[in-house]
Amino acid sequence: DKARNTLYLQLNSVRSEDTAVYYCAAG
């Protein structure tokens, strides 16, 4: 959402192996 300076990650059909700390990074 460029107007709100927000990045999203939609996670669907999650699995146990998706368990983690999720980080965003900018470059």
PDB file of all heavy atoms in Angstrom:
ATOM      1  N   ASP A   1       0.877  -1.148   0.000  1.00  0.00           N
ATOM      2  CA  ASP A   1       0.000   0.000   0.000  1.00  0.00           C
ATOM      3  C   ASP A   1       0.925   1.211   0.000  1.00  0.00           C
ATOM      4  O   ASP A   1       1.425   1.618   1.045  1.00  0.00           O
ATOM      5  CB  ASP A   1      -0.925   0.006   1.211  1.00  0.00           C
ATOM      6  CG  ASP A   1      -1.937   1.127   1.176  1.00  0.00           C
ATOM      7  OD1 ASP A   1      -1.672   2.166   0.555  1.00  0.00           O
ATOM      8  OD2 ASP A   1      -3.015   0.966   1.782  1.00  0.00           O
ATOM      9  N   LYS A   2       1.171   1.765  -1.181  1.00  0.00           N
ATOM     10  CA  LYS A   2       2.149   2.841  -1.306  1.00  0.00           C
ATOM     11  C   LYS A   2       1.741   4.087  -0.531  1.00  0.00           C
ATOM     12  O   LYS A   2       2.594   4.765   0.043  1.00  0.00           O
ATOM     13  CB  LYS A   2       2.355   3.187  -2.783  1.00  0.00           C
ATOM     14  CG  LYS A   2       3.005   2.082  -3.597  1.00  0.00           C
ATOM     15  CD  LYS A   2       3.195   2.513  -5.039  1.00  0.00           C
ATOM     16  CE  LYS A   2       3.848   1.417  -5.861  1.00  0.00           C
ATOM     17  NZ  LYS A   2       4.024   1.829  -7.272  1.00  0.00           N
ATOM     18  N   ALA A   3       0.458   4.395  -0.516  1.00  0.00           N
ATOM     19  CA  ALA A   3      -0.017   5.591   0.169  1.00  0.00           C
ATOM     20  C   ALA A   3       0.222   5.513   1.670  1.00  0.00           C
ATOM     21  O   ALA A   3       0.415   6.542   2.322  1.00  0.00           O
ATOM     22  CB  ALA A   3      -1.495   5.819  -0.117  1.00  0.00           C
ATOM     23  N   ARG A   4       0.197   4.321   2.226  1.00  0.00           N
ATOM     24  CA  ARG A   4       0.387   4.136   3.660  1.00  0.00           C
ATOM     25  C   ARG A   4       1.778   3.635   4.020  1.00  0.00           C
ATOM     26  O   ARG A   4       2.040   3.348   5.186  1.00  0.00           O
ATOM     27  CB  ARG A   4      -0.659   3.168   4.198  1.00  0.00           C
ATOM     28  CG  ARG A   4      -2.091   3.659   4.025  1.00  0.00           C
ATOM     29  CD  ARG A   4      -3.093   2.632   4.501  1.00  0.00           C
ATOM     30  NE  ARG A   4      -4.463   3.098   4.323  1.00  0.00           N
ATOM     31  CZ  ARG A   4      -5.537   2.384   4.609  1.00  0.00           C
ATOM     32  NH1 ARG A   4      -5.409   1.156   5.093  1.00  0.00           N
ATOM     33  NH2 ARG A   4      -6.745   2.885   4.413  1.00  0.00           N
ATOM     34  N   ASN A   5       2.672   3.535   3.028  1.00  0.00           N
ATOM     35  CA  ASN A   5       4.031   3.038   3.247  1.00  0.00           C
ATOM     36  C   ASN A   5       4.025   1.703   3.994  1.00  0.00           C
ATOM     37  O   ASN A   5       4.791   1.493   4.943  1.00  0.00           O
ATOM     38  CB  ASN A   5       4.873   4.060   4.009  1.00  0.00           C
ATOM     39  CG  ASN A   5       5.445   5.136   3.121  1.00  0.00           C
ATOM     40  OD1 ASN A   5       5.420   5.031   1.899  1.00  0.00           O
ATOM     41  ND2 ASN A   5       5.974   6.189   3.733  1.00  0.00           N
ATOM     42  N   THR A   6       3.176   0.806   3.539  1.00  0.00           N
ATOM     43  CA  THR A   6       3.008  -0.471   4.216  1.00  0.00           C
ATOM     44  C   THR A   6       3.234  -1.627   3.254  1.00  0.00           C
ATOM     45  O   THR A   6       2.699  -1.633   2.142  1.00  0.00           O
ATOM     46  CB  THR A   6       1.615  -0.588   4.840  1.00  0.00           C
ATOM     47  OG1 THR A   6       1.402   0.502   5.744  1.00  0.00           O
ATOM     48  CG2 THR A   6       1.478  -1.894   5.605  1.00  0.00           C
ATOM     49  N   LEU A   7       4.013  -2.583   3.687  1.00  0.00           N
ATOM     50  CA  LEU A   7       4.263  -3.825   2.970  1.00  0.00           C
ATOM     51  C   LEU A   7       3.495  -4.942   3.660  1.00  0.00           C
ATOM     52  O   LEU A   7       3.459  -5.017   4.889  1.00  0.00           O
ATOM     53  CB  LEU A   7       5.756  -4.141   2.965  1.00  0.00           C
ATOM     54  CG  LEU A   7       6.195  -5.421   2.249  1.00  0.00           C
ATOM     55  CD1 LEU A   7       6.164  -5.220   0.738  1.00  0.00           C
ATOM     56  CD2 LEU A   7       7.591  -5.838   2.714  1.00  0.00           C
ATOM     57  N   TYR A   8       2.896  -5.825   2.872  1.00  0.00           N
ATOM     58  CA  TYR A   8       2.127  -6.941   3.409  1.00  0.00           C
ATOM     59  C   TYR A   8       2.683  -8.264   2.907  1.00  0.00           C
ATOM     60  O   TYR A   8       3.246  -8.353   1.821  1.00  0.00           O
ATOM     61  CB  TYR A   8       0.659  -6.853   3.000  1.00  0.00           C
ATOM     62  CG  TYR A   8      -0.052  -5.615   3.462  1.00  0.00           C
ATOM     63  CD1 TYR A   8      -0.249  -4.541   2.602  1.00  0.00           C
ATOM     64  CD2 TYR A   8      -0.529  -5.518   4.765  1.00  0.00           C
ATOM     65  CE1 TYR A   8      -0.905  -3.407   3.020  1.00  0.00           C
ATOM     66  CE2 TYR A   8      -1.187  -4.381   5.192  1.00  0.00           C
ATOM     67  CZ  TYR A   8      -1.378  -3.330   4.319  1.00  0.00           C
ATOM     68  OH  TYR A   8      -2.034  -2.201   4.741  1.00  0.00           O
ATOM     69  N   LEU A   9       2.484  -9.283   3.714  1.00  0.00           N
ATOM     70  CA  LEU A   9       2.712 -10.650   3.282  1.00  0.00           C
ATOM     71  C   LEU A   9       1.489 -11.465   3.671  1.00  0.00           C
ATOM     72  O   LEU A   9       1.212 -11.641   4.862  1.00  0.00           O
ATOM     73  CB  LEU A   9       3.969 -11.255   3.910  1.00  0.00           C
ATOM     74  CG  LEU A   9       4.333 -12.653   3.421  1.00  0.00           C
ATOM     75  CD1 LEU A   9       4.801 -12.605   1.960  1.00  0.00           C
ATOM     76  CD2 LEU A   9       5.416 -13.287   4.292  1.00  0.00           C
ATOM     77  N   GLN A  10       0.753 -11.927   2.670  1.00  0.00           N
ATOM     78  CA  GLN A  10      -0.402 -12.781   2.891  1.00  0.00           C
ATOM     79  C   GLN A  10       0.057 -14.230   2.877  1.00  0.00           C
ATOM     80  O   GLN A  10       0.603 -14.699   1.879  1.00  0.00           O
ATOM     81  CB  GLN A  10      -1.456 -12.544   1.808  1.00  0.00           C
ATOM     82  CG  GLN A  10      -2.688 -13.430   1.916  1.00  0.00           C
ATOM     83  CD  GLN A  10      -3.555 -13.065   3.095  1.00  0.00           C
ATOM     84  OE1 GLN A  10      -3.714 -11.890   3.409  1.00  0.00           O
ATOM     85  NE2 GLN A  10      -4.115 -14.069   3.752  1.00  0.00           N
ATOM     86  N   LEU A  11      -0.160 -14.923   3.978  1.00  0.00           N
ATOM     87  CA  LEU A  11       0.221 -16.320   4.105  1.00  0.00           C
ATOM     88  C   LEU A  11      -1.039 -17.171   4.038  1.00  0.00           C
ATOM     89  O   LEU A  11      -1.904 -17.065   4.900  1.00  0.00           O
ATOM     90  CB  LEU A  11       0.944 -16.599   5.416  1.00  0.00           C
ATOM     91  CG  LEU A  11       2.353 -16.041   5.639  1.00  0.00           C
ATOM     92  CD1 LEU A  11       2.340 -14.532   5.841  1.00  0.00           C
ATOM     93  CD2 LEU A  11       2.984 -16.712   6.856  1.00  0.00           C
ATOM     94  N   ASN A  12      -1.143 -18.007   3.024  1.00  0.00           N
ATOM     95  CA  ASN A  12      -2.260 -18.923   2.870  1.00  0.00           C
ATOM     96  C   ASN A  12      -1.778 -20.359   2.975  1.00  0.00           C
ATOM     97  O   ASN A  12      -0.629 -20.665   2.674  1.00  0.00           O
ATOM     98  CB  ASN A  12      -2.961 -18.710   1.525  1.00  0.00           C
ATOM     99  CG  ASN A  12      -3.637 -17.371   1.408  1.00  0.00           C
ATOM    100  OD1 ASN A  12      -4.068 -16.789   2.405  1.00  0.00           O
ATOM    101  ND2 ASN A  12      -3.757 -16.877   0.184  1.00  0.00           N
ATOM    102  N   SER A  13      -2.692 -21.233   3.379  1.00  0.00           N
ATOM    103  CA  SER A  13      -2.387 -22.666   3.473  1.00  0.00           C
ATOM    104  C   SER A  13      -1.089 -22.916   4.232  1.00  0.00           C
ATOM    105  O   SER A  13      -0.214 -23.648   3.774  1.00  0.00           O
ATOM    106  CB  SER A  13      -2.322 -23.281   2.073  1.00  0.00           C
ATOM    107  OG  SER A  13      -3.529 -23.096   1.367  1.00  0.00           O
ATOM    108  N   VAL A  14      -0.971 -22.322   5.405  1.00  0.00           N
ATOM    109  CA  VAL A  14       0.277 -22.400   6.149  1.00  0.00           C
ATOM    110  C   VAL A  14       0.549 -23.831   6.609  1.00  0.00           C
ATOM    111  O   VAL A  14      -0.370 -24.618   6.840  1.00  0.00           O
ATOM    112  CB  VAL A  14       0.290 -21.441   7.348  1.00  0.00           C
ATOM    113  CG1 VAL A  14       0.248 -20.000   6.858  1.00  0.00           C
ATOM    114  CG2 VAL A  14      -0.861 -21.730   8.299  1.00  0.00           C
ATOM    115  N   ARG A  15       1.814 -24.136   6.731  1.00  0.00           N
ATOM    116  CA  ARG A  15       2.297 -25.438   7.165  1.00  0.00           C
ATOM    117  C   ARG A  15       3.175 -25.266   8.394  1.00  0.00           C
ATOM    118  O   ARG A  15       3.636 -24.166   8.685  1.00  0.00           O
ATOM    119  CB  ARG A  15       3.103 -26.102   6.046  1.00  0.00           C
ATOM    120  CG  ARG A  15       2.388 -26.174   4.714  1.00  0.00           C
ATOM    121  CD  ARG A  15       3.363 -26.447   3.592  1.00  0.00           C
ATOM    122  NE  ARG A  15       2.709 -26.511   2.290  1.00  0.00           N
ATOM    123  CZ  ARG A  15       3.345 -26.495   1.128  1.00  0.00           C
ATOM    124  NH1 ARG A  15       4.672 -26.436   1.090  1.00  0.00           N
ATOM    125  NH2 ARG A  15       2.658 -26.555  -0.003  1.00  0.00           N
ATOM    126  N   SER A  16       3.431 -26.359   9.089  1.00  0.00           N
ATOM    127  CA  SER A  16       4.257 -26.287  10.283  1.00  0.00           C
ATOM    128  C   SER A  16       5.651 -25.749   9.975  1.00  0.00           C
ATOM    129  O   SER A  16       6.242 -25.046  10.799  1.00  0.00           O
ATOM    130  CB  SER A  16       4.359 -27.653  10.958  1.00  0.00           C
ATOM    131  OG  SER A  16       4.912 -28.621  10.083  1.00  0.00           O
ATOM    132  N   GLU A  17       6.165 -26.033   8.794  1.00  0.00           N
ATOM    133  CA  GLU A  17       7.487 -25.556   8.421  1.00  0.00           C
ATOM    134  C   GLU A  17       7.526 -24.057   8.138  1.00  0.00           C
ATOM    135  O   GLU A  17       8.602 -23.495   7.927  1.00  0.00           O
ATOM    136  CB  GLU A  17       8.040 -26.328   7.215  1.00  0.00           C
ATOM    137  CG  GLU A  17       7.139 -26.312   5.992  1.00  0.00           C
ATOM    138  CD  GLU A  17       6.283 -27.559   5.872  1.00  0.00           C
ATOM    139  OE1 GLU A  17       5.799 -28.050   6.912  1.00  0.00           O
ATOM    140  OE2 GLU A  17       6.098 -28.042   4.739  1.00  0.00           O
ATOM    141  N   ASP A  18       6.360 -23.398   8.124  1.00  0.00           N
ATOM    142  CA  ASP A  18       6.317 -21.947   8.002  1.00  0.00           C
ATOM    143  C   ASP A  18       6.560 -21.250   9.332  1.00  0.00           C
ATOM    144  O   ASP A  18       6.678 -20.021   9.373  1.00  0.00           O
ATOM    145  CB  ASP A  18       4.973 -21.491   7.427  1.00  0.00           C
ATOM    146  CG  ASP A  18       4.749 -21.960   6.003  1.00  0.00           C
ATOM    147  OD1 ASP A  18       5.715 -21.963   5.211  1.00  0.00           O
ATOM    148  OD2 ASP A  18       3.601 -22.315   5.676  1.00  0.00           O
ATOM    149  N   THR A  19       6.616 -22.005  10.415  1.00  0.00           N
ATOM    150  CA  THR A  19       6.873 -21.430  11.725  1.00  0.00           C
ATOM    151  C   THR A  19       8.241 -20.757  11.744  1.00  0.00           C
ATOM    152  O   THR A  19       9.256 -21.381  11.451  1.00  0.00           O
ATOM    153  CB  THR A  19       6.808 -22.506  12.811  1.00  0.00           C
ATOM    154  OG1 THR A  19       5.471 -23.017  12.901  1.00  0.00           O
ATOM    155  CG2 THR A  19       7.212 -21.943  14.165  1.00  0.00           C
ATOM    156  N   ALA A  20       8.263 -19.473  12.081  1.00  0.00           N
ATOM    157  CA  ALA A  20       9.502 -18.699  12.071  1.00  0.00           C
ATOM    158  C   ALA A  20       9.209 -17.284  12.544  1.00  0.00           C
ATOM    159  O   ALA A  20       8.054 -16.875  12.653  1.00  0.00           O
ATOM    160  CB  ALA A  20      10.110 -18.647  10.666  1.00  0.00           C
ATOM    161  N   VAL A  21      10.274 -16.544  12.820  1.00  0.00           N
ATOM    162  CA  VAL A  21      10.170 -15.103  12.974  1.00  0.00           C
ATOM    163  C   VAL A  21      10.294 -14.492  11.588  1.00  0.00           C
ATOM    164  O   VAL A  21      11.251 -14.768  10.866  1.00  0.00           O
ATOM    165  CB  VAL A  21      11.253 -14.541  13.908  1.00  0.00           C
ATOM    166  CG1 VAL A  21      11.148 -13.017  13.987  1.00  0.00           C
ATOM    167  CG2 VAL A  21      11.129 -15.153  15.298  1.00  0.00           C
ATOM    168  N   TYR A  22       9.333 -13.669  11.227  1.00  0.00           N
ATOM    169  CA  TYR A  22       9.306 -13.042   9.911  1.00  0.00           C
ATOM    170  C   TYR A  22       9.780 -11.604  10.021  1.00  0.00           C
ATOM    171  O   TYR A  22       9.298 -10.843  10.866  1.00  0.00           O
ATOM    172  CB  TYR A  22       7.899 -13.101   9.315  1.00  0.00           C
ATOM    173  CG  TYR A  22       7.535 -14.467   8.800  1.00  0.00           C
ATOM    174  CD1 TYR A  22       7.276 -15.511   9.681  1.00  0.00           C
ATOM    175  CD2 TYR A  22       7.472 -14.726   7.433  1.00  0.00           C
ATOM    176  CE1 TYR A  22       6.970 -16.779   9.211  1.00  0.00           C
ATOM    177  CE2 TYR A  22       7.158 -15.978   6.952  1.00  0.00           C
ATOM    178  CZ  TYR A  22       6.909 -17.004   7.849  1.00  0.00           C
ATOM    179  OH  TYR A  22       6.593 -18.258   7.378  1.00  0.00           O
ATOM    180  N   TYR A  23      10.725 -11.229   9.154  1.00  0.00           N
ATOM    181  CA  TYR A  23      11.321  -9.906   9.144  1.00  0.00           C
ATOM    182  C   TYR A  23      11.082  -9.225   7.802  1.00  0.00           C
ATOM    183  O   TYR A  23      11.135  -9.869   6.761  1.00  0.00           O
ATOM    184  CB  TYR A  23      12.838  -9.985   9.344  1.00  0.00           C
ATOM    185  CG  TYR A  23      13.294 -10.627  10.628  1.00  0.00           C
ATOM    186  CD1 TYR A  23      13.501 -11.997  10.703  1.00  0.00           C
ATOM    187  CD2 TYR A  23      13.543  -9.856  11.758  1.00  0.00           C
ATOM    188  CE1 TYR A  23      13.933 -12.593  11.874  1.00  0.00           C
ATOM    189  CE2 TYR A  23      13.977 -10.447  12.927  1.00  0.00           C
ATOM    190  CZ  TYR A  23      14.171 -11.811  12.982  1.00  0.00           C
ATOM    191  OH  TYR A  23      14.609 -12.394  14.144  1.00  0.00           O
ATOM    192  N   CYS A  24      10.865  -7.921   7.825  1.00  0.00           N
ATOM    193  CA  CYS A  24      10.920  -7.162   6.590  1.00  0.00           C
ATOM    194  C   CYS A  24      12.260  -6.445   6.506  1.00  0.00           C
ATOM    195  O   CYS A  24      12.884  -6.128   7.521  1.00  0.00           O
ATOM    196  CB  CYS A  24       9.751  -6.182   6.447  1.00  0.00           C
ATOM    197  SG  CYS A  24       9.644  -4.887   7.694  1.00  0.00           S
ATOM    198  N   ALA A  25      12.714  -6.224   5.286  1.00  0.00           N
ATOM    199  CA  ALA A  25      14.002  -5.603   5.037  1.00  0.00           C
ATOM    200  C   ALA A  25      13.879  -4.638   3.871  1.00  0.00           C
ATOM    201  O   ALA A  25      13.125  -4.895   2.927  1.00  0.00           O
ATOM    202  CB  ALA A  25      15.064  -6.662   4.736  1.00  0.00           C
ATOM    203  N   ALA A  26      14.639  -3.541   3.920  1.00  0.00           N
ATOM    204  CA  ALA A  26      14.555  -2.496   2.913  1.00  0.00           C
ATOM    205  C   ALA A  26      15.919  -2.218   2.304  1.00  0.00           C
ATOM    206  O   ALA A  26      16.923  -2.142   3.018  1.00  0.00           O
ATOM    207  CB  ALA A  26      13.991  -1.211   3.511  1.00  0.00           C
ATOM    208  N   GLY A  27      15.949  -2.049   0.998  1.00  0.00           N
ATOM    209  CA  GLY A  27      17.162  -1.713   0.284  1.00  0.00           C
ATOM    210  C   GLY A  27      16.877  -0.765  -0.858  1.00  0.00           C
ATOM    211  O   GLY A  27      15.723  -0.475  -1.169  1.00  0.00           O
TER     212      GLY A  27
END
